[in-house]
Protein backbone atom coordinates (compact mmCIF):
# COMPACT_ATOMS: atom_id res chain seq x y z
CA MET A 1 0.00 0.00 0.00
CA VAL A 2 1.52 3.31 -1.14
CA ILE A 3 0.64 6.90 -0.26
CA SER A 4 1.70 9.73 -2.57
CA ILE A 5 2.57 13.14 -1.19
CA VAL A 6 2.33 16.08 -3.55
CA ALA A 7 3.42 19.67 -2.83
CA ASN A 8 5.09 22.53 -4.63
CA TYR A 9 8.10 21.89 -2.37
CA ILE A 10 9.03 18.75 -0.43
CA SER A 11 10.52 20.30 2.69
CA PRO A 12 12.88 18.44 5.07
CA ARG A 13 10.27 18.66 7.81
CA LEU A 14 7.45 17.26 5.68
CA GLU A 15 9.60 14.39 4.45
CA TYR A 16 10.84 13.63 7.99
CA ILE A 17 7.44 13.38 9.67
CA ALA A 18 5.80 11.63 6.72
CA ASN A 19 8.54 9.00 6.64
CA PHE A 20 8.11 8.36 10.36
CA VAL A 21 4.31 8.21 10.43
CA PHE A 22 3.56 6.40 7.19
CA GLN A 23 6.65 4.21 6.79
CA ASP A 24 8.01 3.59 10.29
CA ILE A 25 4.71 3.37 12.17
CA LEU A 26 2.21 2.25 9.54
CA GLY A 27 4.53 0.26 7.29
CA MET A 28 3.26 1.89 4.12
CA GLY A 29 5.09 2.80 0.96
CA LEU A 30 5.60 6.48 0.25
CA THR A 31 6.32 8.54 -2.85
CA TYR A 32 6.91 12.28 -3.27
CA SER A 33 6.28 14.57 -6.21
CA THR A 34 6.11 18.31 -6.82
CA GLN A 35 3.34 20.28 -8.48
CA VAL A 36 3.56 24.02 -8.97
CA ASP A 37 -0.12 24.86 -8.57
CA PHE A 38 -0.24 24.07 -4.87
CA GLY A 39 -0.70 26.96 -2.46
CA LYS A 40 1.89 28.03 0.05
CA ASN A 41 2.39 25.60 2.95
CA CYS A 42 0.00 23.09 1.37
CA PHE A 43 0.43 19.43 0.50
CA GLU A 44 -1.86 16.61 -0.56
CA LEU A 45 -2.01 13.00 0.50
CA ARG A 46 -3.15 10.86 -2.39
CA LEU A 47 -4.41 7.56 -1.02
CA PRO A 48 -4.53 4.27 -2.93
CA ASN A 49 -8.29 4.08 -2.40
CA GLY A 50 -8.73 7.19 -4.56
CA LYS A 51 -9.18 9.74 -1.77
CA ASN A 52 -7.11 12.93 -1.85
CA LEU A 53 -6.57 14.86 1.40
CA LEU A 54 -5.41 18.47 1.15
CA TYR A 55 -3.60 19.80 4.22
CA LYS A 56 -2.05 23.12 5.15
CA SER A 57 0.72 23.32 7.75
CA GLU A 58 3.06 26.25 8.23
CA ILE A 59 5.31 24.38 10.68
CA LEU A 60 6.19 21.78 8.03
CA PHE A 61 7.36 24.33 5.44
CA GLU A 62 8.96 27.09 7.46
CA GLU A 63 12.30 26.86 9.26
CA GLY A 64 11.45 28.85 12.39
CA HIS A 65 9.93 27.72 15.66
CA THR A 66 6.30 27.86 16.64
CA THR A 67 4.58 27.45 20.01
CA SER A 68 2.12 24.92 21.34
CA GLU A 69 -0.64 27.54 21.17
CA ASP A 70 -0.71 27.11 17.39
CA PHE A 71 -2.37 23.70 17.77
CA ASP A 72 -5.81 22.65 18.94
CA TRP A 73 -4.78 19.91 21.36
CA ASN A 74 -8.35 19.20 22.43
CA ARG A 75 -9.24 18.25 18.85
CA LEU A 76 -6.01 16.34 18.40
CA THR A 77 -6.71 14.19 21.45
CA SER A 78 -10.39 13.63 20.68
CA LYS A 79 -11.58 10.21 19.54
CA GLU A 80 -13.93 11.41 16.83
CA GLU A 81 -11.81 13.36 14.36
CA LEU A 82 -8.39 14.02 12.87
CA CYS A 83 -7.76 17.75 12.42
CA SER A 84 -6.06 19.09 9.30
CA ASN A 85 -2.75 19.97 10.99
CA TRP A 86 -2.23 16.63 12.73
CA LEU A 87 1.03 15.93 10.92
CA GLY A 88 2.32 19.38 11.91
CA ALA A 89 1.48 18.61 15.53
CA CYS A 90 3.30 15.28 15.24
CA PHE A 91 6.37 17.13 13.98
CA TYR A 92 6.17 19.63 16.83
CA LEU A 93 6.11 16.80 19.38
CA LEU A 94 8.67 14.50 17.77
CA SER A 95 11.23 17.24 17.06
CA ARG A 96 10.89 18.40 20.70
CA MET A 97 10.45 21.96 19.50
CA GLU A 98 9.18 23.05 22.90
CA GLU A 99 12.54 22.12 24.46
CA TYR A 100 14.27 24.75 22.31
CA ASP A 101 12.16 27.53 23.86
CA THR A 102 14.60 29.77 25.75
CA LYS A 103 11.72 31.30 27.73
CA ILE A 104 11.18 28.01 29.55
CA LYS A 105 13.59 27.85 32.47
CA PRO A 106 15.26 24.48 33.14
CA ASP A 107 15.28 22.80 36.55
CA GLN A 108 18.23 22.82 38.96
CA HIS A 109 20.00 20.17 36.88
CA GLY A 110 19.57 22.03 33.60
CA ARG A 111 16.76 19.76 32.38
CA PHE A 112 13.46 20.44 30.67
CA GLU A 113 10.68 19.81 33.21
CA TYR A 114 7.76 17.52 32.44
CA LYS A 115 5.26 19.93 34.04
CA LYS A 116 6.11 22.49 31.36
CA SER A 117 5.49 20.12 28.47
CA VAL A 118 2.44 20.44 26.25
CA ALA A 119 1.77 16.71 26.80
CA TYR A 120 1.45 17.22 30.56
CA LEU A 121 -0.47 20.48 30.33
CA HIS A 122 -3.04 18.95 27.96
CA GLY A 123 -3.29 15.59 29.68
CA PHE A 124 -1.71 13.21 27.16
CA LEU A 125 1.74 12.60 28.67
CA GLU A 126 0.86 8.97 29.38
CA LYS A 127 -0.30 8.41 25.79
CA PRO A 128 1.94 7.85 22.72
CA LEU A 129 -0.12 10.43 20.86
CA ILE A 130 1.77 10.29 17.54
CA GLU A 131 1.20 6.55 17.23
CA VAL A 132 -2.42 7.01 18.31
CA LEU A 133 -2.96 9.64 15.60
CA ALA A 134 -1.37 7.38 12.99
CA GLN A 135 -3.73 4.60 14.00
CA LYS A 136 -6.67 7.02 13.88
CA PHE A 137 -5.69 7.95 10.30
CA ILE A 138 -5.83 4.28 9.31
CA ASN A 139 -9.19 3.75 11.01
CA LEU A 140 -10.68 6.72 9.16
CA TYR A 141 -9.46 5.94 5.67
CA PHE A 142 -8.50 2.24 5.45
CA THR A 143 -11.04 -0.27 6.71
CA GLY A 144 -9.50 -3.57 7.69
CA TYR A 145 -5.88 -2.47 7.28
CA VAL A 146 -3.46 -4.83 9.03
CA PHE A 147 -0.41 -3.22 10.62
CA PRO A 148 2.82 -4.97 9.58
CA ASN A 149 5.33 -5.80 12.32
CA SER A 150 2.97 -4.51 15.00
CA GLN A 151 4.12 -6.91 17.74
CA THR A 152 4.95 -4.95 20.88
CA LYS A 153 8.62 -5.10 21.85
CA ILE A 154 10.01 -4.95 25.40
CA ILE A 155 13.42 -3.39 26.14
CA PRO A 156 14.60 -3.62 29.77
CA THR A 157 17.39 -1.15 30.53
CA LEU A 158 19.49 -0.71 33.67
CA ASP A 159 21.41 2.36 34.78
CA ILE A 160 24.50 1.37 36.76
CA ASP A 161 25.30 4.51 38.72
CA MET A 162 27.14 2.48 41.37
CA THR A 163 28.15 -1.14 40.81
CA HIS A 164 28.58 -1.58 44.58
CA ALA A 165 27.20 0.11 47.67
CA VAL A 166 30.31 -0.53 49.77
CA LYS A 167 32.70 -3.10 48.32
CA GLY A 168 35.67 -1.80 46.42
CA LYS A 169 35.32 1.76 47.67
CA PRO A 170 38.37 3.46 49.21
CA ILE A 171 38.40 3.70 53.01
CA TRP A 172 37.85 7.47 52.98
CA ARG A 173 34.49 6.94 51.25
CA VAL A 174 33.41 4.06 53.48
CA LEU A 175 34.57 5.11 56.96
CA PRO A 176 32.07 7.98 57.53
CA ALA A 177 29.15 5.71 56.61
CA VAL A 178 30.47 2.93 58.88
CA ILE A 179 30.79 5.33 61.83
CA GLN A 180 27.33 6.78 61.22
CA GLU A 181 25.77 3.32 61.04
CA LEU A 182 27.52 2.26 64.23
CA ILE A 183 26.27 5.31 66.15
CA GLN A 184 22.69 5.31 64.80
CA GLN A 185 21.97 1.59 64.42
CA LYS A 186 24.70 -0.04 66.53
CA SER A 187 25.55 -2.11 63.48
CA ILE A 188 28.76 -2.85 61.59
CA GLU A 189 27.03 -4.27 58.50
CA LYS A 190 28.74 -1.85 56.10
CA PHE A 191 32.12 -2.74 57.57
CA LEU A 192 31.40 -6.45 57.14
CA ILE A 193 30.40 -5.84 53.53
CA TRP A 194 33.54 -3.82 52.91
CA ILE A 195 35.85 -6.54 54.22
CA GLY A 196 33.98 -9.19 52.21
CA ARG A 197 32.16 -10.96 55.05
CA LYS A 198 28.71 -10.05 53.69
CA ASP A 199 27.28 -9.63 50.19
CA ASP A 200 27.06 -6.16 48.74
CA PRO A 201 23.37 -5.34 48.11
CA TYR A 202 24.02 -3.47 44.86
CA ASP A 203 25.97 -6.39 43.43
CA ASN A 204 22.89 -8.31 42.33
CA PHE A 205 23.99 -8.84 38.74
CA ASP A 206 23.86 -12.65 39.01
CA TYR A 207 20.17 -12.37 39.85
CA GLN A 208 19.52 -10.03 36.91
CA LEU A 209 21.44 -12.07 34.34
CA ASP A 210 19.94 -15.38 35.50
CA PHE A 211 16.47 -13.87 35.16
CA PHE A 212 17.18 -12.59 31.64
CA GLU A 213 18.59 -15.95 30.58
CA LYS A 214 15.66 -17.95 31.97
CA ASN A 215 13.16 -15.70 30.21
CA ASN A 216 15.12 -15.30 26.95
CA LEU A 217 15.39 -11.52 27.39
CA SER A 218 18.04 -9.05 26.30
CA ALA A 219 18.83 -5.90 28.27
CA ILE A 220 20.94 -2.77 27.91
CA TYR A 221 23.35 -1.81 30.70
CA PHE A 222 24.35 1.85 30.99
CA PHE A 223 27.56 2.18 33.00
CA GLN A 224 28.61 5.45 34.63
CA VAL A 225 32.42 5.63 34.48
CA GLY A 226 33.12 9.31 35.24
CA LEU A 227 35.41 10.56 37.96
CA TYR A 228 34.08 10.71 41.53
CA GLY A 229 32.03 13.80 42.31
CA THR A 230 28.88 15.11 44.00
CA PHE A 231 26.55 13.27 41.60
CA ASP A 232 28.99 10.69 40.21
CA LYS A 233 29.81 8.05 42.82
CA ASN A 234 30.72 4.86 40.98
CA LEU A 235 33.89 2.88 41.57
CA ASN A 236 36.85 3.60 39.36
CA ILE A 237 36.49 1.46 36.26
CA GLN A 238 39.98 0.05 36.91
CA ASN A 239 38.71 -1.41 40.19
CA ARG A 240 38.69 -5.21 40.18
CA ARG A 241 35.07 -5.40 41.29
CA PHE A 242 33.91 -3.05 38.53
CA LYS A 243 35.74 -5.19 35.98
CA GLU A 244 34.08 -8.32 37.36
CA VAL A 245 30.66 -6.75 36.75
CA LEU A 246 31.60 -5.74 33.21
CA GLU A 247 32.75 -9.29 32.50
CA LYS A 248 29.44 -10.69 33.75
CA CYS A 249 27.37 -8.30 31.65
CA LYS A 250 29.33 -8.48 28.40
CA PHE A 251 26.78 -10.77 26.73
CA GLN A 252 24.15 -8.09 27.14
CA THR A 253 24.44 -4.68 25.46
CA ILE A 254 27.02 -2.50 27.21
CA ALA A 255 26.39 1.24 26.89
CA ILE A 256 27.71 4.50 28.31
CA HIS A 257 25.98 6.51 31.04
CA PRO A 258 27.78 9.86 30.59
CA SER A 259 28.49 11.38 33.99
CA TYR A 260 26.73 14.35 35.51
CA ALA A 261 30.00 16.26 35.26
CA SER A 262 30.29 15.58 31.52
CA PHE A 263 27.21 17.68 30.69
CA GLN A 264 27.90 19.57 27.43
CA ASN A 265 31.57 18.56 27.62
CA TYR A 266 32.78 16.78 24.48
CA SER A 267 36.19 15.92 25.90
CA LYS A 268 34.85 14.29 29.08
CA ILE A 269 32.25 12.21 27.26
CA GLU A 270 34.82 11.08 24.72
CA LYS A 271 37.20 10.01 27.50
CA GLU A 272 34.45 8.14 29.36
CA ILE A 273 33.43 6.24 26.23
CA LEU A 274 37.06 5.34 25.56
CA LYS A 275 37.48 4.04 29.13
CA LEU A 276 34.39 1.86 28.85
CA LYS A 277 35.46 0.59 25.44
CA GLU A 278 38.98 -0.30 26.60
CA ASN A 279 37.80 -2.07 29.75
CA SER A 280 34.91 -3.97 28.15
CA GLY A 281 36.57 -4.74 24.82
CA LEU A 282 33.33 -3.69 23.10
CA GLU A 283 32.28 -0.93 20.76
CA ILE A 284 30.12 1.63 22.59
CA ILE A 285 27.36 3.01 20.38
CA CYS A 286 24.47 3.51 22.87
CA SER A 287 24.13 6.08 25.64
CA ARG A 288 21.81 7.51 28.27
CA GLN A 289 22.72 10.66 30.19
CA HIS A 290 23.16 10.40 33.96
CA PHE A 291 20.27 12.25 35.67
CA LEU A 292 18.76 12.42 32.13
CA ARG A 293 20.76 15.60 31.86
CA PHE A 294 20.70 16.79 28.26
CA LYS A 295 19.97 19.96 26.35
CA LEU A 296 18.84 20.27 22.75
CA PRO A 297 20.45 20.48 20.31
CA GLU A 298 23.91 20.67 21.92
CA SER A 299 23.89 17.38 23.83
CA TYR A 300 22.75 15.30 20.88
CA ARG A 301 25.29 16.91 18.58
CA ILE A 302 28.10 16.09 21.02
CA ILE A 303 27.20 12.44 21.41
CA GLN A 304 26.94 12.08 17.66
CA GLU A 305 30.44 13.49 17.30
CA VAL A 306 31.85 10.93 19.75
CA GLY A 307 30.32 8.02 17.85
CA ILE A 308 27.03 7.34 19.63
CA GLN A 309 24.40 5.97 17.27
CA LYS A 310 21.45 5.35 19.60
CA GLU A 311 20.36 7.51 22.55
CA TYR A 312 18.05 6.46 25.41
CA SER A 313 17.51 9.62 27.52
CA MET A 314 14.12 10.59 26.08
CA GLY A 315 11.96 10.34 29.17
CA TYR A 316 11.41 11.97 32.55
CA SER A 317 12.63 10.88 35.99
CA GLU A 318 9.75 12.54 37.86
CA SER A 319 6.90 11.34 35.65
CA LEU A 320 5.92 8.29 33.67
CA GLY A 321 4.91 8.66 30.07
CA PHE A 322 6.07 9.58 26.61
CA ARG A 323 8.28 12.67 26.47
CA ALA A 324 8.24 12.75 22.65
CA SER A 325 4.66 11.40 22.51
CA VAL A 326 5.90 8.18 20.94
CA SER A 327 7.12 4.80 22.18
CA ARG A 328 9.17 3.50 19.26
CA PRO A 329 12.61 4.67 18.06
CA PHE A 330 12.86 7.68 15.79
CA ILE A 331 15.56 9.66 14.02
CA TRP A 332 16.49 12.94 15.68
CA PHE A 333 15.67 16.06 13.67
CA ASP A 334 18.06 18.95 14.37
CA LEU A 335 15.80 21.99 14.32
CA GLN A 336 18.59 24.54 14.18
CA GLN A 337 20.07 22.87 11.10
CA ASN A 338 16.60 21.98 9.81
CA LYS A 339 17.52 18.43 8.85
CA ALA A 340 17.21 14.83 9.94
CA THR A 341 20.35 13.31 11.47
CA ASN A 342 21.78 9.82 11.81
CA LEU A 343 21.10 9.64 15.56
CA THR A 344 18.35 7.23 16.63
CA ILE A 345 16.35 8.08 19.77
CA GLN A 346 14.73 5.28 21.78
CA PRO A 347 12.32 6.71 24.37
CA PHE A 348 11.55 5.05 27.69
CA CYS A 349 8.23 5.41 29.51
CA VAL A 350 8.72 3.94 33.02
CA MET A 351 11.48 4.35 35.61
CA ASP A 352 11.78 2.71 39.02
CA VAL A 353 12.55 5.93 40.92
CA THR A 354 9.49 7.58 39.38
CA LEU A 355 7.24 4.89 40.81
CA GLN A 356 8.94 4.82 44.21
CA TYR A 357 10.34 8.25 45.03
CA PHE A 358 8.09 10.62 43.12
CA MET A 359 4.75 8.78 42.91
CA LYS A 360 5.09 7.03 46.32
CA LEU A 361 3.51 3.82 45.00
CA ASP A 362 3.62 0.49 46.76
CA ILE A 363 4.42 -2.72 44.88
CA GLU A 364 0.89 -3.53 43.73
CA GLN A 365 0.19 0.07 42.76
CA ALA A 366 3.43 0.16 40.77
CA LYS A 367 2.46 -3.00 38.90
CA ASP A 368 -0.97 -1.54 38.12
CA LYS A 369 0.66 1.61 36.75
CA ILE A 370 3.06 -0.41 34.63
CA THR A 371 0.07 -2.28 33.20
CA GLN A 372 -1.62 1.01 32.29
CA ILE A 373 1.45 2.32 30.47
CA TYR A 374 2.18 -1.01 28.81
CA ASN A 375 -1.39 -1.20 27.51
CA GLN A 376 -0.94 2.21 25.87
CA VAL A 377 2.13 0.85 24.06
CA ASN A 378 0.53 -2.47 23.21
CA ASN A 379 -2.50 -0.73 21.68
CA VAL A 380 -0.23 0.78 19.01
CA GLY A 381 2.21 -2.12 18.66
CA GLY A 382 5.07 0.03 19.93
CA VAL A 383 8.13 -0.42 22.15
CA PHE A 384 7.85 -0.74 25.93
CA SER A 385 11.24 0.45 27.14
CA PHE A 386 11.76 1.01 30.87
CA CYS A 387 14.61 1.84 33.22
CA PHE A 388 15.61 0.25 36.53
CA HIS A 389 18.79 0.50 38.61
CA ASN A 390 20.76 -2.24 40.32
CA GLU A 391 20.16 -0.31 43.58
CA SER A 392 16.40 -0.83 43.26
CA LEU A 393 16.96 -4.58 42.82
CA CYS A 394 18.85 -4.92 46.12
CA ASP A 395 15.69 -6.27 47.83
CA GLN A 396 16.43 -4.28 50.97
CA LYS A 397 14.96 -1.34 52.90
CA GLN A 398 12.72 0.84 50.70
CA TRP A 399 13.37 -1.48 47.75
CA LYS A 400 12.26 -4.63 49.57
CA GLY A 401 10.08 -6.61 47.17
CA TRP A 402 10.73 -4.43 44.12
CA ARG A 403 12.29 -7.26 42.17
CA GLU A 404 8.69 -8.36 41.75
CA VAL A 405 7.92 -5.03 40.01
CA PHE A 406 10.99 -5.38 37.79
CA GLU A 407 10.07 -8.91 36.75
CA TYR A 408 6.49 -7.84 36.15
CA ALA A 409 7.66 -5.09 33.77
CA CYS A 410 10.01 -7.47 31.94
CA LEU A 411 7.23 -9.99 31.42
CA SER A 412 4.52 -7.51 30.43
CA LEU A 413 3.82 -9.42 27.21
CA ASN A 414 2.50 -12.25 29.37
CA HIS A 415 -0.07 -10.00 31.04
CA ASP A 416 -2.10 -9.16 27.92
């Protein structure tokens, strides 16, 4: 099935969003042609069933930025209709145009806040709206159309901010915590862990890898290898215990978790990738920023320059949902250069700390919320990618029982 797009000018933006919606999501063929008698900012979709749909969209033909006020989000999120500028709205969301707005102040970590997003403000943050609109287009114009390759995929990912809670750390990092524990709890547990008499709670990689093997799952491990600092507290990658973890995980995908201190710093990110490559013996082509700390377009340009091909930071730590209003991977469009790039973005929609720290959910409530988000993905045959940490799988203190939540998320396909 082939759709033809006709306009007096095939702009980079029109081609980008049409390729994503009609080819990547819907699996259709697509052709482009020019015709001089079309009006400014107009294009026509010529459908194989003989219908021709004429649309007008300034955002798809101009190179500047627009604001969310230029779209009728109530109509876009309604079940009954598909407004004429729906593809323009999809481009606005997918390109993350709102994150380029210099009037929107970032949070204390330099990040775009979910509460300032159009998806949150108009109540569709927990919906992959672009995929929903694509499906609505099919339902309106193609009765009985079968989506190709619409099987939902699950991608578990783990951020390894600290391979160990205590083991392997230098004495100056461990001693204050040991003294505090002794005074407050009259316990020397941390000391016993440090000297190797007790297991380190964060070193639960055998559990993770056994679970993946038993359930025929593949995961992506993002390792933070930056120098020690306020927000970067991992072991040195040369530490024997760090190397043992890398060796265990090498049959999964090993990726970089650029440090907090490397924000907007090409040289630091390049050095961290090189360290991980040398110590793992693997090519490093995937990344997710520590603290999800990135800024458009600078951060994405930097990671492209250092050889990253796929980026996994597109999500929020304080809220569940779809930051780019889509679940599946997409090519990043650099708005300042007005062109599609070679960088693939894979969003995630659920994070452990969101459920625990920010939403204050218990285990059953967390599983219910995961089901709600997964169902949104499954309805559009998308990608359910989620993020946990080895800390949250320690099965101790506030994380007691949360392995059950992790396993539930990994096996979401079985809960249909």
